[in-house]
């Protein structure tokens, strides 16, 4: 059946996408900052999770569900629409669901999750506020979603072993490509659950 799990972290955690190299992580800096490093089973770039700063929801959609779509470009769009309804319910205006091809936003889109824009992902005021990655299996699809409450790209970039000329990663492009909504995470999670129930 359709299922949603809300995941909370109790300490800072750097989450790598399934295909990202461990070499991307600056282990000395993560250790010094007390940041755990884990890997998720879906694709995409790195995300820095800290308590209260991101609403993380895993959504499972079984094969054969009325909302299931075998096209990976269309498959997460219904989910983005649910997020847009949830954001509107908590007072975030202008939420838009991206329904086109993936759109890299900076030179570091492969490294940083919120630096690019993929199908189903949500922007507000032109800045990405919800990221979605997916893992497809024969029995269904797992969508891993992150809705930003706070966006601090320099904190994430400081934990990555980027090239010396990686200044572009901390420039205005990365600062403005995503944004935190500033809403209460519990309110947003509740609104999202309600939006899923009406999908």
C-alpha atoms as a PDB file:
ATOM      1  CA  UNK A   1       0.000   0.000   0.000  1.00  0.00           C
ATOM      2  CA  UNK A   2       1.009   3.635  -0.268  1.00  0.00           C
ATOM      3  CA  UNK A   3       3.185   4.384   2.743  1.00  0.00           C
ATOM      4  CA  UNK A   4       4.961   7.435   4.137  1.00  0.00           C
ATOM      5  CA  UNK A   5       7.698   7.485   6.769  1.00  0.00           C
ATOM      6  CA  UNK A   6       8.942  10.700   8.350  1.00  0.00           C
ATOM      7  CA  UNK A   7      12.614  10.506   9.271  1.00  0.00           C
ATOM      8  CA  UNK A   8      14.215  12.761  11.876  1.00  0.00           C
ATOM      9  CA  UNK A   9      17.897  13.095  12.681  1.00  0.00           C
ATOM     10  CA  UNK A  10      19.067  13.671  16.234  1.00  0.00           C
ATOM     11  CA  UNK A  11      22.534  14.878  15.224  1.00  0.00           C
ATOM     12  CA  UNK A  12      24.117  16.471  12.134  1.00  0.00           C
ATOM     13  CA  UNK A  13      24.397  13.974   9.294  1.00  0.00           C
ATOM     14  CA  UNK A  14      25.844  14.249   5.803  1.00  0.00           C
ATOM     15  CA  UNK A  15      23.830  12.024   3.460  1.00  0.00           C
ATOM     16  CA  UNK A  16      25.447  10.973   0.182  1.00  0.00           C
ATOM     17  CA  UNK A  17      23.521   9.875  -2.887  1.00  0.00           C
ATOM     18  CA  UNK A  18      23.779   6.219  -3.894  1.00  0.00           C
ATOM     19  CA  UNK A  19      26.344   6.813  -6.655  1.00  0.00           C
ATOM     20  CA  UNK A  20      28.511   9.460  -4.990  1.00  0.00           C
ATOM     21  CA  UNK A  21      32.118   8.655  -4.173  1.00  0.00           C
ATOM     22  CA  UNK A  22      33.330   8.597  -0.571  1.00  0.00           C
ATOM     23  CA  UNK A  23      36.201  10.750  -1.847  1.00  0.00           C
ATOM     24  CA  UNK A  24      33.761  13.660  -1.971  1.00  0.00           C
ATOM     25  CA  UNK A  25      33.769  13.823   1.833  1.00  0.00           C
ATOM     26  CA  UNK A  26      36.409  15.669   3.825  1.00  0.00           C
ATOM     27  CA  UNK A  27      36.626  13.188   6.713  1.00  0.00           C
ATOM     28  CA  UNK A  28      38.776  15.438   8.897  1.00  0.00           C
ATOM     29  CA  UNK A  29      36.219  18.215   8.726  1.00  0.00           C
ATOM     30  CA  UNK A  30      33.211  15.978   9.303  1.00  0.00           C
ATOM     31  CA  UNK A  31      34.934  14.405  12.322  1.00  0.00           C
ATOM     32  CA  UNK A  32      35.906  17.779  13.746  1.00  0.00           C
ATOM     33  CA  UNK A  33      32.349  19.062  13.283  1.00  0.00           C
ATOM     34  CA  UNK A  34      30.792  15.931  14.790  1.00  0.00           C
ATOM     35  CA  UNK A  35      28.923  15.137  11.566  1.00  0.00           C
ATOM     36  CA  UNK A  36      27.968  11.539  10.760  1.00  0.00           C
ATOM     37  CA  UNK A  37      28.291  10.381   7.140  1.00  0.00           C
ATOM     38  CA  UNK A  38      25.756   7.919   5.685  1.00  0.00           C
ATOM     39  CA  UNK A  39      24.534   6.893   2.251  1.00  0.00           C
ATOM     40  CA  UNK A  40      20.951   6.713   0.989  1.00  0.00           C
ATOM     41  CA  UNK A  41      19.740   4.120  -1.512  1.00  0.00           C
ATOM     42  CA  UNK A  42      18.438   6.672  -4.014  1.00  0.00           C
ATOM     43  CA  UNK A  43      20.417   8.918  -6.329  1.00  0.00           C
ATOM     44  CA  UNK A  44      21.234  12.603  -6.278  1.00  0.00           C
ATOM     45  CA  UNK A  45      23.736  14.810  -4.505  1.00  0.00           C
ATOM     46  CA  UNK A  46      24.830  15.288  -0.920  1.00  0.00           C
ATOM     47  CA  UNK A  47      22.495  16.720   1.719  1.00  0.00           C
ATOM     48  CA  UNK A  48      23.423  18.024   5.158  1.00  0.00           C
ATOM     49  CA  UNK A  49      20.691  17.173   7.641  1.00  0.00           C
ATOM     50  CA  UNK A  50      20.490  18.815  11.039  1.00  0.00           C
ATOM     51  CA  UNK A  51      17.704  18.580  13.615  1.00  0.00           C
ATOM     52  CA  UNK A  52      14.771  20.822  12.736  1.00  0.00           C
ATOM     53  CA  UNK A  53      16.206  22.049   9.423  1.00  0.00           C
ATOM     54  CA  UNK A  54      14.666  19.599   6.920  1.00  0.00           C
ATOM     55  CA  UNK A  55      11.434  17.645   6.703  1.00  0.00           C
ATOM     56  CA  UNK A  56      12.529  14.249   5.393  1.00  0.00           C
ATOM     57  CA  UNK A  57       9.792  11.954   4.103  1.00  0.00           C
ATOM     58  CA  UNK A  58      10.172   8.560   2.417  1.00  0.00           C
ATOM     59  CA  UNK A  59       7.142   7.725   0.271  1.00  0.00           C
ATOM     60  CA  UNK A  60       6.519   4.233  -1.118  1.00  0.00           C
ATOM     61  CA  UNK A  61       4.202   3.756  -4.080  1.00  0.00           C
ATOM     62  CA  UNK A  62       3.420   0.150  -5.047  1.00  0.00           C
ATOM     63  CA  UNK A  63       3.500  -1.015  -8.642  1.00  0.00           C
ATOM     64  CA  UNK A  64       0.030  -0.919 -10.172  1.00  0.00           C
ATOM     65  CA  UNK A  65      -1.090   2.006  -8.018  1.00  0.00           C
ATOM     66  CA  UNK A  66      -3.225   4.525  -9.882  1.00  0.00           C
ATOM     67  CA  UNK A  67      -0.478   7.125  -9.369  1.00  0.00           C
ATOM     68  CA  UNK A  68       2.383   4.875 -10.502  1.00  0.00           C
ATOM     69  CA  UNK A  69       4.164   5.835 -13.725  1.00  0.00           C
ATOM     70  CA  UNK A  70       6.955   3.820 -15.343  1.00  0.00           C
ATOM     71  CA  UNK A  71       8.461   6.998 -16.831  1.00  0.00           C
ATOM     72  CA  UNK A  72      11.046   8.238 -14.326  1.00  0.00           C
ATOM     73  CA  UNK A  73      10.574  11.785 -15.575  1.00  0.00           C
ATOM     74  CA  UNK A  74       6.847  11.785 -14.820  1.00  0.00           C
ATOM     75  CA  UNK A  75       6.801   9.442 -11.830  1.00  0.00           C
ATOM     76  CA  UNK A  76       7.506  12.015  -9.079  1.00  0.00           C
ATOM     77  CA  UNK A  77       5.297  14.820 -10.431  1.00  0.00           C
ATOM     78  CA  UNK A  78       2.214  13.775  -8.421  1.00  0.00           C
ATOM     79  CA  UNK A  79       4.395  13.847  -5.305  1.00  0.00           C
ATOM     80  CA  UNK A  80       5.656  17.339  -6.076  1.00  0.00           C
ATOM     81  CA  UNK A  81       2.064  18.487  -6.419  1.00  0.00           C
ATOM     82  CA  UNK A  82       1.314  17.080  -2.965  1.00  0.00           C
ATOM     83  CA  UNK A  83       4.268  19.034  -1.568  1.00  0.00           C
ATOM     84  CA  UNK A  84       3.048  22.194  -3.300  1.00  0.00           C
ATOM     85  CA  UNK A  85      -0.385  21.785  -1.660  1.00  0.00           C
ATOM     86  CA  UNK A  86       1.271  21.219   1.709  1.00  0.00           C
ATOM     87  CA  UNK A  87       3.430  24.326   1.338  1.00  0.00           C
ATOM     88  CA  UNK A  88       0.396  26.417   0.427  1.00  0.00           C
ATOM     89  CA  UNK A  89      -1.395  25.084   3.504  1.00  0.00           C
ATOM     90  CA  UNK A  90       1.363  26.401   5.781  1.00  0.00           C
ATOM     91  CA  UNK A  91       1.536  29.788   4.080  1.00  0.00           C
ATOM     92  CA  UNK A  92       4.351  29.345   1.541  1.00  0.00           C
ATOM     93  CA  UNK A  93       3.183  31.125  -1.605  1.00  0.00           C
ATOM     94  CA  UNK A  94       4.150  30.586  -5.220  1.00  0.00           C
ATOM     95  CA  UNK A  95       5.169  26.921  -4.990  1.00  0.00           C
ATOM     96  CA  UNK A  96       5.794  25.497  -8.471  1.00  0.00           C
ATOM     97  CA  UNK A  97       6.372  21.874  -9.483  1.00  0.00           C
ATOM     98  CA  UNK A  98       9.102  21.266 -12.064  1.00  0.00           C
ATOM     99  CA  UNK A  99       7.737  18.997 -14.799  1.00  0.00           C
ATOM    100  CA  UNK A 100      10.523  19.223 -17.360  1.00  0.00           C
ATOM    101  CA  UNK A 101      13.874  17.563 -17.836  1.00  0.00           C
ATOM    102  CA  UNK A 102      16.478  17.781 -15.050  1.00  0.00           C
ATOM    103  CA  UNK A 103      18.039  21.225 -14.961  1.00  0.00           C
ATOM    104  CA  UNK A 104      21.510  21.654 -13.471  1.00  0.00           C
ATOM    105  CA  UNK A 105      21.794  24.981 -11.727  1.00  0.00           C
ATOM    106  CA  UNK A 106      25.507  25.285 -10.937  1.00  0.00           C
ATOM    107  CA  UNK A 107      28.817  23.637 -11.670  1.00  0.00           C
ATOM    108  CA  UNK A 108      28.272  21.647  -8.449  1.00  0.00           C
ATOM    109  CA  UNK A 109      24.856  20.157  -9.205  1.00  0.00           C
ATOM    110  CA  UNK A 110      26.351  16.647  -9.227  1.00  0.00           C
ATOM    111  CA  UNK A 111      27.812  17.186  -5.742  1.00  0.00           C
ATOM    112  CA  UNK A 112      25.061  19.116  -3.954  1.00  0.00           C
ATOM    113  CA  UNK A 113      21.480  17.863  -4.075  1.00  0.00           C
ATOM    114  CA  UNK A 114      19.736  21.214  -3.924  1.00  0.00           C
ATOM    115  CA  UNK A 115      21.987  22.738  -6.603  1.00  0.00           C
ATOM    116  CA  UNK A 116      19.957  21.159  -9.410  1.00  0.00           C
ATOM    117  CA  UNK A 117      16.283  20.771 -10.264  1.00  0.00           C
ATOM    118  CA  UNK A 118      14.668  17.503 -11.277  1.00  0.00           C
ATOM    119  CA  UNK A 119      11.161  16.326 -12.200  1.00  0.00           C
ATOM    120  CA  UNK A 120       8.627  16.726  -9.421  1.00  0.00           C
ATOM    121  CA  UNK A 121      10.853  18.977  -7.349  1.00  0.00           C
ATOM    122  CA  UNK A 122       9.358  22.173  -5.983  1.00  0.00           C
ATOM    123  CA  UNK A 123      10.488  25.788  -6.092  1.00  0.00           C
ATOM    124  CA  UNK A 124       9.125  28.883  -4.387  1.00  0.00           C
ATOM    125  CA  UNK A 125      10.115  32.307  -5.637  1.00  0.00           C
ATOM    126  CA  UNK A 126      12.444  30.578  -8.095  1.00  0.00           C
ATOM    127  CA  UNK A 127      14.436  28.795  -5.356  1.00  0.00           C
ATOM    128  CA  UNK A 128      14.289  25.055  -4.767  1.00  0.00           C
ATOM    129  CA  UNK A 129      12.547  24.137  -1.517  1.00  0.00           C
ATOM    130  CA  UNK A 130      11.790  20.407  -2.012  1.00  0.00           C
ATOM    131  CA  UNK A 131      14.170  17.805  -3.417  1.00  0.00           C
ATOM    132  CA  UNK A 132      13.033  14.339  -4.521  1.00  0.00           C
ATOM    133  CA  UNK A 133      15.097  11.291  -5.409  1.00  0.00           C
ATOM    134  CA  UNK A 134      13.711   7.917  -6.375  1.00  0.00           C
ATOM    135  CA  UNK A 135      14.643   4.261  -6.260  1.00  0.00           C
ATOM    136  CA  UNK A 136      12.640   1.949  -8.482  1.00  0.00           C
ATOM    137  CA  UNK A 137      12.072  -1.744  -7.849  1.00  0.00           C
ATOM    138  CA  UNK A 138       9.835  -4.356  -9.393  1.00  0.00           C
ATOM    139  CA  UNK A 139       7.312  -4.073  -6.561  1.00  0.00           C
ATOM    140  CA  UNK A 140       7.126  -0.288  -6.624  1.00  0.00           C
ATOM    141  CA  UNK A 141       9.044   2.956  -6.179  1.00  0.00           C
ATOM    142  CA  UNK A 142      10.561   4.618  -3.128  1.00  0.00           C
ATOM    143  CA  UNK A 143      10.731   8.412  -3.224  1.00  0.00           C
ATOM    144  CA  UNK A 144      12.996  10.163  -0.737  1.00  0.00           C
ATOM    145  CA  UNK A 145      11.972  13.775  -0.189  1.00  0.00           C
ATOM    146  CA  UNK A 146      13.612  16.665   1.610  1.00  0.00           C
ATOM    147  CA  UNK A 147      11.768  19.929   2.255  1.00  0.00           C
ATOM    148  CA  UNK A 148      14.070  22.697   3.411  1.00  0.00           C
ATOM    149  CA  UNK A 149      13.257  24.618   6.562  1.00  0.00           C
ATOM    150  CA  UNK A 150      16.706  26.237   6.534  1.00  0.00           C
ATOM    151  CA  UNK A 151      19.304  26.421   3.727  1.00  0.00           C
ATOM    152  CA  UNK A 152      22.959  26.933   4.644  1.00  0.00           C
ATOM    153  CA  UNK A 153      25.014  25.829   1.614  1.00  0.00           C
ATOM    154  CA  UNK A 154      28.364  26.986   2.953  1.00  0.00           C
ATOM    155  CA  UNK A 155      28.005  24.606   5.923  1.00  0.00           C
ATOM    156  CA  UNK A 156      27.558  21.699   3.507  1.00  0.00           C
ATOM    157  CA  UNK A 157      30.318  22.754   1.114  1.00  0.00           C
ATOM    158  CA  UNK A 158      32.762  23.058   4.037  1.00  0.00           C
ATOM    159  CA  UNK A 159      32.389  19.296   4.607  1.00  0.00           C
ATOM    160  CA  UNK A 160      33.151  18.340   1.017  1.00  0.00           C
ATOM    161  CA  UNK A 161      36.564  17.701  -0.549  1.00  0.00           C
ATOM    162  CA  UNK A 162      36.045  20.012  -3.509  1.00  0.00           C
ATOM    163  CA  UNK A 163      38.747  21.260  -5.910  1.00  0.00           C
ATOM    164  CA  UNK A 164      40.708  24.332  -4.895  1.00  0.00           C
ATOM    165  CA  UNK A 165      38.947  26.307  -7.604  1.00  0.00           C
ATOM    166  CA  UNK A 166      35.550  25.308  -6.179  1.00  0.00           C
ATOM    167  CA  UNK A 167      34.745  28.868  -5.202  1.00  0.00           C
ATOM    168  CA  UNK A 168      31.758  28.747  -7.520  1.00  0.00           C
ATOM    169  CA  UNK A 169      30.115  26.351  -5.089  1.00  0.00           C
ATOM    170  CA  UNK A 170      29.960  29.018  -2.378  1.00  0.00           C
ATOM    171  CA  UNK A 171      29.149  31.905  -4.673  1.00  0.00           C
ATOM    172  CA  UNK A 172      25.778  33.571  -5.063  1.00  0.00           C
ATOM    173  CA  UNK A 173      24.575  30.845  -7.404  1.00  0.00           C
ATOM    174  CA  UNK A 174      24.470  28.211  -4.672  1.00  0.00           C
ATOM    175  CA  UNK A 175      23.241  30.698  -2.085  1.00  0.00           C
ATOM    176  CA  UNK A 176      20.190  31.572  -4.161  1.00  0.00           C
ATOM    177  CA  UNK A 177      19.381  28.355  -6.035  1.00  0.00           C
ATOM    178  CA  UNK A 178      17.613  26.955  -2.951  1.00  0.00           C
ATOM    179  CA  UNK A 179      15.915  28.468   0.088  1.00  0.00           C
ATOM    180  CA  UNK A 180      14.531  27.457   3.451  1.00  0.00           C
ATOM    181  CA  UNK A 181      10.814  27.924   3.987  1.00  0.00           C
ATOM    182  CA  UNK A 182      11.212  28.927   7.625  1.00  0.00           C
ATOM    183  CA  UNK A 183       8.045  27.044   8.574  1.00  0.00           C
ATOM    184  CA  UNK A 184       7.596  24.802  11.596  1.00  0.00           C
ATOM    185  CA  UNK A 185       8.729  21.311  10.499  1.00  0.00           C
ATOM    186  CA  UNK A 186       5.929  19.528  12.371  1.00  0.00           C
ATOM    187  CA  UNK A 187       3.301  21.718  10.710  1.00  0.00           C
ATOM    188  CA  UNK A 188       4.791  21.063   7.280  1.00  0.00           C
ATOM    189  CA  UNK A 189       4.973  17.295   7.887  1.00  0.00           C
ATOM    190  CA  UNK A 190       1.346  17.262   8.987  1.00  0.00           C
ATOM    191  CA  UNK A 191       0.274  19.292   5.966  1.00  0.00           C
ATOM    192  CA  UNK A 192       2.188  16.969   3.650  1.00  0.00           C
ATOM    193  CA  UNK A 193       0.545  13.905   5.166  1.00  0.00           C
ATOM    194  CA  UNK A 194      -2.838  15.529   4.591  1.00  0.00           C
ATOM    195  CA  UNK A 195      -1.916  16.351   0.998  1.00  0.00           C
ATOM    196  CA  UNK A 196      -0.915  12.729   0.402  1.00  0.00           C
ATOM    197  CA  UNK A 197      -4.237  11.515   1.732  1.00  0.00           C
ATOM    198  CA  UNK A 198      -6.018  13.628  -0.863  1.00  0.00           C
ATOM    199  CA  UNK A 199      -3.760  12.526  -3.770  1.00  0.00           C
END
